[in-house]
N, C-alpha and C. Protein backbone atom coordinates (compact mmCIF):
# COMPACT_ATOMS: atom_id res chain seq x y z
N MET A 1 0.66 -1.07 -0.11
CA MET A 1 -0.10 0.13 -0.21
C MET A 1 0.89 1.41 -0.19
N LYS A 2 0.59 2.37 -0.40
CA LYS A 2 1.28 3.67 -0.84
C LYS A 2 1.26 4.40 0.20
N ASN A 3 2.35 4.72 0.54
CA ASN A 3 1.56 5.92 1.62
C ASN A 3 1.91 7.48 1.47
N HIS A 4 1.51 8.25 2.02
CA HIS A 4 1.01 9.35 1.74
C HIS A 4 2.05 10.48 0.85
N LEU A 5 3.27 9.94 1.06
CA LEU A 5 4.27 10.55 0.69
C LEU A 5 4.29 9.89 -1.16
N ASP A 6 4.52 8.75 -1.23
CA ASP A 6 4.19 8.29 -2.60
C ASP A 6 3.20 8.76 -3.23
N LYS A 7 1.92 9.01 -2.75
CA LYS A 7 0.90 9.57 -3.34
C LYS A 7 1.41 11.12 -3.81
N THR A 8 1.44 11.66 -3.09
CA THR A 8 1.93 13.18 -2.96
C THR A 8 2.43 13.53 -4.41
N LEU A 9 3.75 12.27 -4.24
CA LEU A 9 4.75 12.90 -5.42
C LEU A 9 4.08 12.50 -6.89
N ASP A 10 3.38 11.23 -6.80
CA ASP A 10 2.77 10.42 -7.85
C ASP A 10 1.81 11.66 -8.72
N ILE A 11 0.78 12.28 -7.64
CA ILE A 11 0.06 13.62 -7.97
C ILE A 11 0.58 14.79 -8.94
N ALA A 12 1.78 14.68 -8.26
CA ALA A 12 2.73 16.19 -8.52
C ALA A 12 3.57 15.72 -10.16
N ALA A 13 4.24 14.49 -9.89
CA ALA A 13 4.62 13.98 -11.12
C ALA A 13 3.46 13.71 -12.42
N LEU A 14 2.28 13.13 -12.05
CA LEU A 14 1.26 13.53 -13.12
C LEU A 14 0.96 14.95 -13.56
N ALA A 15 1.11 16.22 -12.46
CA ALA A 15 0.87 17.44 -12.41
C ALA A 15 1.85 17.85 -13.89
N ILE A 16 3.05 17.68 -13.77
CA ILE A 16 4.19 17.84 -14.40
C ILE A 16 3.92 17.26 -15.84
N SER A 17 3.78 16.29 -15.99
CA SER A 17 3.79 15.41 -17.12
C SER A 17 2.82 15.92 -18.22
N LYS A 18 1.46 16.43 -17.74
CA LYS A 18 0.06 17.01 -18.14
C LYS A 18 0.53 18.38 -19.12
N LYS A 19 1.34 18.96 -18.10
CA LYS A 19 1.88 20.35 -18.29
C LYS A 19 2.44 20.18 -19.64
N HIS A 20 3.79 19.25 -19.95
CA HIS A 20 4.44 18.96 -21.14
C HIS A 20 3.79 18.26 -22.46
N SER A 21 2.75 17.28 -21.93
CA SER A 21 2.03 16.62 -22.88
C SER A 21 1.39 17.32 -24.04
N GLY A 22 1.73 16.28 -24.86
CA GLY A 22 0.83 16.90 -26.29
C GLY A 22 1.25 18.16 -27.35
N LYS A 23 2.73 18.20 -26.44
CA LYS A 23 3.39 19.60 -27.42
C LYS A 23 4.09 18.76 -27.83
N ILE A 24 4.97 19.49 -29.43
CA ILE A 24 6.14 19.11 -30.18
C ILE A 24 7.32 19.32 -29.00
N ALA A 25 7.82 18.37 -29.59
CA ALA A 25 9.26 18.15 -28.61
C ALA A 25 10.23 18.92 -29.60
N VAL A 26 10.28 20.15 -29.37
CA VAL A 26 11.25 21.36 -29.58
C VAL A 26 12.70 20.67 -29.39
N PRO A 27 13.04 20.70 -28.05
CA PRO A 27 14.21 20.22 -28.13
C PRO A 27 14.88 19.09 -28.30
N THR A 28 13.93 17.78 -28.61
CA THR A 28 14.41 16.80 -29.01
C THR A 28 14.91 16.51 -30.59
N ILE A 29 14.08 17.70 -31.21
CA ILE A 29 14.44 17.87 -32.67
C ILE A 29 15.52 18.70 -33.25
N ILE A 30 16.09 19.72 -31.96
CA ILE A 30 16.93 20.54 -31.76
C ILE A 30 18.13 18.94 -31.75
N LEU A 31 18.19 18.66 -30.52
CA LEU A 31 19.21 17.61 -30.50
C LEU A 31 19.51 16.64 -31.34
N SER A 32 18.38 16.26 -32.09
CA SER A 32 18.44 14.87 -33.43
C SER A 32 19.11 15.74 -34.35
N VAL A 33 18.99 17.38 -35.00
CA VAL A 33 20.02 18.00 -35.89
C VAL A 33 21.06 18.24 -35.55
N LEU A 34 21.39 18.60 -34.54
CA LEU A 34 22.46 18.85 -33.79
C LEU A 34 23.37 17.65 -33.78
N THR A 35 22.85 16.30 -33.44
CA THR A 35 23.50 14.97 -33.34
C THR A 35 23.97 14.69 -34.13
N ILE A 36 23.01 14.99 -35.82
CA ILE A 36 23.86 14.27 -36.55
C ILE A 36 24.52 15.37 -37.59
N PHE A 37 24.63 16.64 -37.53
CA PHE A 37 25.41 17.31 -37.76
C PHE A 37 27.03 17.00 -37.49
N LEU A 38 26.64 16.95 -35.51
CA LEU A 38 27.63 16.84 -35.14
C LEU A 38 28.58 15.36 -35.43
N TYR A 39 27.75 14.65 -35.68
CA TYR A 39 28.22 13.16 -36.37
C TYR A 39 28.74 12.98 -37.32
N SER A 40 28.29 13.96 -38.23
CA SER A 40 28.81 14.19 -39.63
C SER A 40 30.28 14.80 -39.72
N ILE A 41 30.34 16.18 -39.09
CA ILE A 41 31.82 16.61 -38.81
C ILE A 41 32.47 16.18 -38.50
N VAL A 42 32.10 15.11 -37.42
CA VAL A 42 33.31 14.48 -36.95
C VAL A 42 33.86 13.54 -38.08
N LEU A 43 33.01 12.45 -38.55
CA LEU A 43 32.95 11.81 -39.75
C LEU A 43 34.19 12.73 -40.62
N PHE A 44 33.61 13.80 -41.09
CA PHE A 44 34.25 14.35 -42.41
C PHE A 44 36.09 14.82 -41.86
N LEU A 45 36.05 15.42 -40.28
CA LEU A 45 37.36 15.91 -39.90
C LEU A 45 38.29 14.41 -39.89
N PHE A 46 37.72 13.74 -39.62
CA PHE A 46 38.74 11.99 -39.67
C PHE A 46 38.71 11.96 -40.84
N ALA A 47 38.35 11.65 -42.09
CA ALA A 47 38.29 11.28 -43.02
C ALA A 47 39.17 12.15 -43.77
N ASN A 48 39.23 13.25 -43.13
CA ASN A 48 40.36 14.40 -43.68
C ASN A 48 41.11 14.65 -43.29
N ASN A 49 41.77 13.89 -42.46
CA ASN A 49 43.09 14.19 -41.01
C ASN A 49 43.15 15.22 -40.61
N PHE A 50 41.85 15.58 -40.18
CA PHE A 50 42.21 16.72 -39.19
C PHE A 50 41.63 16.52 -37.55
N LEU A 51 41.24 15.14 -37.82
CA LEU A 51 40.75 14.44 -36.64
C LEU A 51 41.56 13.32 -36.29
N SER A 52 42.10 12.76 -35.12
CA SER A 52 42.60 11.82 -34.91
C SER A 52 42.07 10.76 -34.56
N PRO A 53 42.66 9.50 -34.74
CA PRO A 53 41.50 8.75 -34.87
C PRO A 53 41.03 8.20 -33.32
N LEU A 54 42.46 8.17 -32.44
CA LEU A 54 41.76 8.59 -30.92
C LEU A 54 40.31 9.05 -30.85
N LEU A 55 40.69 10.63 -30.50
CA LEU A 55 39.52 11.50 -30.87
C LEU A 55 38.45 11.03 -30.93
N THR A 56 38.41 10.59 -32.89
CA THR A 56 37.35 10.02 -33.31
C THR A 56 36.57 8.94 -32.35
N LEU A 57 37.50 7.72 -32.50
CA LEU A 57 37.01 7.41 -31.46
C LEU A 57 35.89 7.21 -29.77
N LEU A 58 36.31 8.41 -29.12
CA LEU A 58 36.06 8.36 -28.23
C LEU A 58 34.64 9.58 -28.67
N LEU A 59 34.68 10.63 -29.73
CA LEU A 59 33.19 11.29 -29.99
C LEU A 59 32.50 10.22 -30.48
N LEU A 60 32.57 9.78 -30.71
CA LEU A 60 31.48 8.98 -31.76
C LEU A 60 30.69 7.71 -31.21
N PRO A 61 31.17 7.55 -29.87
CA PRO A 61 30.34 6.48 -29.44
C PRO A 61 29.03 7.55 -28.43
N PHE A 62 29.62 8.80 -27.97
CA PHE A 62 28.79 9.60 -27.03
C PHE A 62 27.77 10.40 -28.20
N LEU A 63 28.21 10.16 -29.67
CA LEU A 63 27.20 11.37 -30.29
C LEU A 63 26.22 9.76 -30.70
N THR A 64 26.77 8.77 -30.61
CA THR A 64 26.03 7.32 -31.03
C THR A 64 24.83 7.43 -30.02
N PHE A 65 25.14 7.40 -28.65
CA PHE A 65 24.47 7.35 -27.55
C PHE A 65 23.70 8.53 -27.74
N ALA A 66 23.40 9.40 -27.89
CA ALA A 66 22.95 11.11 -28.05
C ALA A 66 22.01 10.77 -29.10
N SER A 67 22.09 10.07 -30.07
CA SER A 67 21.37 9.99 -30.91
C SER A 67 20.30 8.70 -30.55
N TYR A 68 20.68 7.86 -29.81
CA TYR A 68 19.11 7.29 -29.33
C TYR A 68 18.28 7.57 -28.39
N ILE A 69 18.52 9.09 -27.65
CA ILE A 69 17.29 9.69 -27.24
C ILE A 69 16.33 10.30 -28.22
N PRO A 70 16.86 10.47 -29.01
CA PRO A 70 15.68 11.09 -30.18
C PRO A 70 14.90 9.76 -30.60
N MET A 71 15.51 8.85 -30.99
CA MET A 71 15.23 7.66 -31.51
C MET A 71 14.11 7.13 -30.62
N HIS A 72 14.48 7.14 -28.86
CA HIS A 72 12.91 6.42 -28.23
C HIS A 72 11.96 7.22 -28.05
N GLU A 73 12.36 8.75 -28.00
CA GLU A 73 11.36 9.31 -27.91
C GLU A 73 10.31 9.57 -29.34
N ALA A 74 10.68 9.58 -30.75
CA ALA A 74 10.09 9.36 -31.64
C ALA A 74 9.34 7.86 -31.75
N VAL A 75 10.20 6.99 -31.23
CA VAL A 75 9.61 5.39 -31.13
C VAL A 75 8.49 5.09 -30.07
N HIS A 76 8.40 6.10 -29.17
CA HIS A 76 7.19 6.50 -28.30
C HIS A 76 5.99 7.59 -28.83
N GLY A 77 6.15 8.25 -30.44
CA GLY A 77 5.50 9.57 -30.36
C GLY A 77 5.77 10.78 -29.94
N ASN A 78 6.48 10.71 -28.89
CA ASN A 78 6.58 11.47 -27.66
C ASN A 78 6.80 13.39 -28.73
N ILE A 79 7.66 13.37 -29.93
CA ILE A 79 7.94 13.99 -30.64
C ILE A 79 6.90 14.60 -30.88
N SER A 80 5.69 14.19 -31.63
CA SER A 80 4.96 15.25 -31.86
C SER A 80 3.53 15.38 -31.00
N GLY A 81 3.87 14.71 -30.14
CA GLY A 81 2.92 14.87 -28.67
C GLY A 81 1.95 14.14 -29.19
N ASN A 82 1.99 12.98 -29.33
CA ASN A 82 0.87 12.40 -30.24
C ASN A 82 0.07 13.15 -30.58
N ASN A 83 0.21 13.96 -31.48
CA ASN A 83 -1.26 14.93 -32.40
C ASN A 83 -0.87 14.25 -33.75
N LYS A 84 -1.99 13.83 -34.21
CA LYS A 84 -2.31 12.89 -35.37
C LYS A 84 -1.42 13.92 -36.37
N LYS A 85 -1.35 15.31 -36.27
CA LYS A 85 -0.95 16.24 -37.82
C LYS A 85 0.10 16.08 -37.76
N PHE A 86 1.22 16.10 -36.96
CA PHE A 86 2.14 15.78 -37.09
C PHE A 86 3.31 14.77 -36.42
N LYS A 87 2.64 13.53 -36.58
CA LYS A 87 3.11 12.39 -36.25
C LYS A 87 4.53 12.26 -37.35
N TRP A 88 4.37 12.73 -38.50
CA TRP A 88 5.57 12.44 -39.65
C TRP A 88 6.43 12.74 -38.93
N LEU A 89 6.51 13.91 -38.02
CA LEU A 89 8.15 14.31 -37.23
C LEU A 89 8.44 13.19 -36.33
N ASP A 90 7.66 12.24 -35.85
CA ASP A 90 8.03 11.11 -35.13
C ASP A 90 8.72 9.94 -36.07
N ARG A 91 8.32 10.30 -36.93
CA ARG A 91 9.02 9.29 -38.60
C ARG A 91 10.56 9.88 -38.91
N VAL A 92 10.17 11.75 -39.07
CA VAL A 92 11.07 11.55 -39.65
C VAL A 92 12.60 11.99 -38.78
N VAL A 93 12.45 11.95 -37.38
CA VAL A 93 13.55 11.68 -36.45
C VAL A 93 13.88 10.21 -36.25
N GLY A 94 12.88 9.89 -36.37
CA GLY A 94 13.20 8.09 -35.83
C GLY A 94 14.09 7.60 -37.47
N HIS A 95 13.91 7.81 -38.43
CA HIS A 95 14.32 7.62 -39.54
C HIS A 95 15.75 7.98 -39.67
N LEU A 96 16.05 9.72 -39.30
CA LEU A 96 16.95 10.32 -39.02
C LEU A 96 18.16 9.65 -38.51
N MET A 97 17.84 9.25 -37.16
CA MET A 97 18.48 8.84 -36.24
C MET A 97 19.29 7.67 -36.51
N ALA A 98 18.32 6.61 -37.42
CA ALA A 98 18.60 5.18 -37.29
C ALA A 98 19.97 4.38 -37.89
N PRO A 99 20.66 5.58 -39.07
CA PRO A 99 21.83 4.94 -39.45
C PRO A 99 22.71 5.49 -38.91
N VAL A 100 22.61 6.68 -37.34
CA VAL A 100 24.01 6.49 -36.60
C VAL A 100 23.83 5.17 -35.96
N ILE A 101 22.72 5.26 -35.13
CA ILE A 101 22.72 3.65 -34.75
C ILE A 101 22.89 2.20 -35.03
N ALA A 102 22.68 2.56 -36.46
CA ALA A 102 22.72 1.00 -37.31
C ALA A 102 21.32 0.45 -37.08
N ILE A 103 20.57 0.90 -36.55
CA ILE A 103 18.73 0.14 -36.34
C ILE A 103 18.05 0.85 -37.45
N PRO A 104 17.37 0.16 -38.03
CA PRO A 104 15.92 0.60 -38.89
C PRO A 104 15.11 1.23 -37.73
N PHE A 105 14.61 2.42 -38.13
CA PHE A 105 13.63 3.03 -37.37
C PHE A 105 12.59 2.07 -37.07
N THR A 106 11.49 1.16 -38.29
CA THR A 106 10.05 0.58 -38.23
C THR A 106 10.73 -0.53 -37.09
N SER A 107 11.86 -1.09 -37.10
CA SER A 107 12.39 -2.93 -36.81
C SER A 107 12.58 -2.58 -35.43
N HIS A 108 12.78 -1.20 -34.99
CA HIS A 108 13.40 -0.62 -33.28
C HIS A 108 12.07 -0.64 -32.93
N GLN A 109 11.30 0.13 -33.74
CA GLN A 109 9.86 0.15 -32.71
C GLN A 109 8.90 -0.91 -32.57
N LYS A 110 9.07 -1.80 -33.48
CA LYS A 110 8.59 -3.31 -33.43
C LYS A 110 9.40 -4.00 -31.64
N GLU A 111 10.80 -4.15 -32.06
CA GLU A 111 11.55 -4.40 -31.15
C GLU A 111 11.35 -4.08 -29.71
N HIS A 112 11.69 -2.62 -29.77
CA HIS A 112 11.43 -1.75 -28.38
C HIS A 112 9.79 -1.74 -27.43
N PHE A 113 8.74 -2.18 -28.43
CA PHE A 113 7.55 -2.76 -28.18
C PHE A 113 7.57 -4.05 -27.66
N MET A 114 8.04 -4.98 -27.97
CA MET A 114 8.05 -6.06 -27.39
C MET A 114 8.86 -5.96 -26.07
N HIS A 115 9.94 -5.21 -26.02
CA HIS A 115 10.70 -4.97 -24.69
C HIS A 115 9.39 -4.82 -23.83
N HIS A 116 8.91 -3.55 -23.87
CA HIS A 116 8.04 -2.95 -23.05
C HIS A 116 7.20 -4.01 -22.41
N SER A 117 6.59 -4.87 -23.69
CA SER A 117 5.48 -5.97 -23.42
C SER A 117 6.26 -7.12 -22.29
N HIS A 118 7.16 -7.41 -22.24
CA HIS A 118 8.27 -8.59 -21.65
C HIS A 118 9.31 -7.78 -20.71
N THR A 119 9.21 -7.04 -20.51
CA THR A 119 10.68 -6.52 -19.48
C THR A 119 11.23 -7.37 -18.40
N ASN A 120 12.25 -7.50 -18.82
CA ASN A 120 13.28 -8.10 -17.79
C ASN A 120 12.64 -9.72 -17.60
N THR A 121 12.16 -10.39 -18.59
CA THR A 121 11.62 -11.19 -18.78
C THR A 121 12.38 -12.34 -20.05
N ASN A 122 12.63 -13.27 -20.02
CA ASN A 122 12.98 -13.99 -21.19
C ASN A 122 12.42 -13.70 -22.36
N ASN A 123 11.50 -13.29 -22.53
CA ASN A 123 10.56 -12.82 -23.75
C ASN A 123 10.86 -11.44 -24.05
N ASP A 124 11.85 -10.69 -23.33
CA ASP A 124 12.20 -9.45 -23.62
C ASP A 124 13.64 -9.66 -24.72
N PRO A 125 13.56 -8.92 -25.85
CA PRO A 125 14.45 -8.99 -26.77
C PRO A 125 15.64 -8.26 -26.19
N ASP A 126 15.91 -7.57 -25.24
CA ASP A 126 16.85 -7.13 -24.24
C ASP A 126 17.65 -7.41 -23.53
N VAL A 127 16.81 -8.93 -23.52
CA VAL A 127 17.58 -10.12 -21.92
C VAL A 127 18.69 -9.76 -21.97
N HIS A 128 19.39 -10.36 -22.90
CA HIS A 128 20.90 -10.26 -23.62
C HIS A 128 21.69 -9.34 -22.76
N ILE A 129 21.11 -7.83 -22.51
CA ILE A 129 22.04 -6.75 -22.27
C ILE A 129 22.16 -7.26 -20.62
N GLN A 130 21.57 -8.00 -19.89
CA GLN A 130 22.02 -8.12 -18.59
C GLN A 130 23.46 -9.07 -18.24
N ASN A 131 23.62 -9.67 -18.96
CA ASN A 131 25.03 -10.13 -19.17
C ASN A 131 26.36 -9.55 -19.66
N LEU A 132 25.76 -8.70 -20.07
CA LEU A 132 27.10 -7.97 -20.96
C LEU A 132 27.95 -7.59 -20.22
N PHE A 133 28.10 -7.20 -18.67
CA PHE A 133 29.30 -7.22 -18.49
C PHE A 133 30.11 -7.89 -17.37
N LYS A 134 29.26 -9.26 -17.49
CA LYS A 134 29.84 -10.22 -16.68
C LYS A 134 30.79 -10.52 -17.06
N SER A 135 31.34 -10.82 -18.47
CA SER A 135 32.91 -11.18 -18.86
C SER A 135 33.01 -10.62 -20.10
N PRO A 136 34.01 -10.36 -20.25
CA PRO A 136 34.60 -9.93 -21.96
C PRO A 136 33.87 -10.94 -23.10
N ILE A 137 33.58 -12.65 -23.05
CA ILE A 137 33.17 -13.09 -23.59
C ILE A 137 31.33 -12.81 -23.90
N HIS A 138 31.15 -12.08 -22.90
CA HIS A 138 29.38 -12.10 -22.80
C HIS A 138 29.57 -10.79 -23.93
N PHE A 139 30.47 -9.34 -23.15
CA PHE A 139 30.30 -8.03 -23.80
C PHE A 139 30.78 -8.50 -25.49
């Protein structure tokens, strides 16, 4: 049974989320454009010997991780604010981020919803991640 503080926090969190729900996620759109721009610049600088392989190897994983944030939000329809008129924004951002993380948007969408349906069970498509850091072989 939830205590009074938990209920109060739940109500406060719901009020905050309702305040932001249904709006177009402009900061996420900016993040996606910025990520693609920086990713392209890093590859261009590396390909033209202006950026060392070591620095490139440090920057690309960060940018790859950053690209997953808009991809995840696009999968959930959060970029359009679940507004049917702007659903195309979710698809554009999702497809824009897909090459950076090397996962097609539509297949990731299906896989991610399977993950939510079966989180932390043997049917979770991400269940293999739980063993990722057990050993170098698992990794």
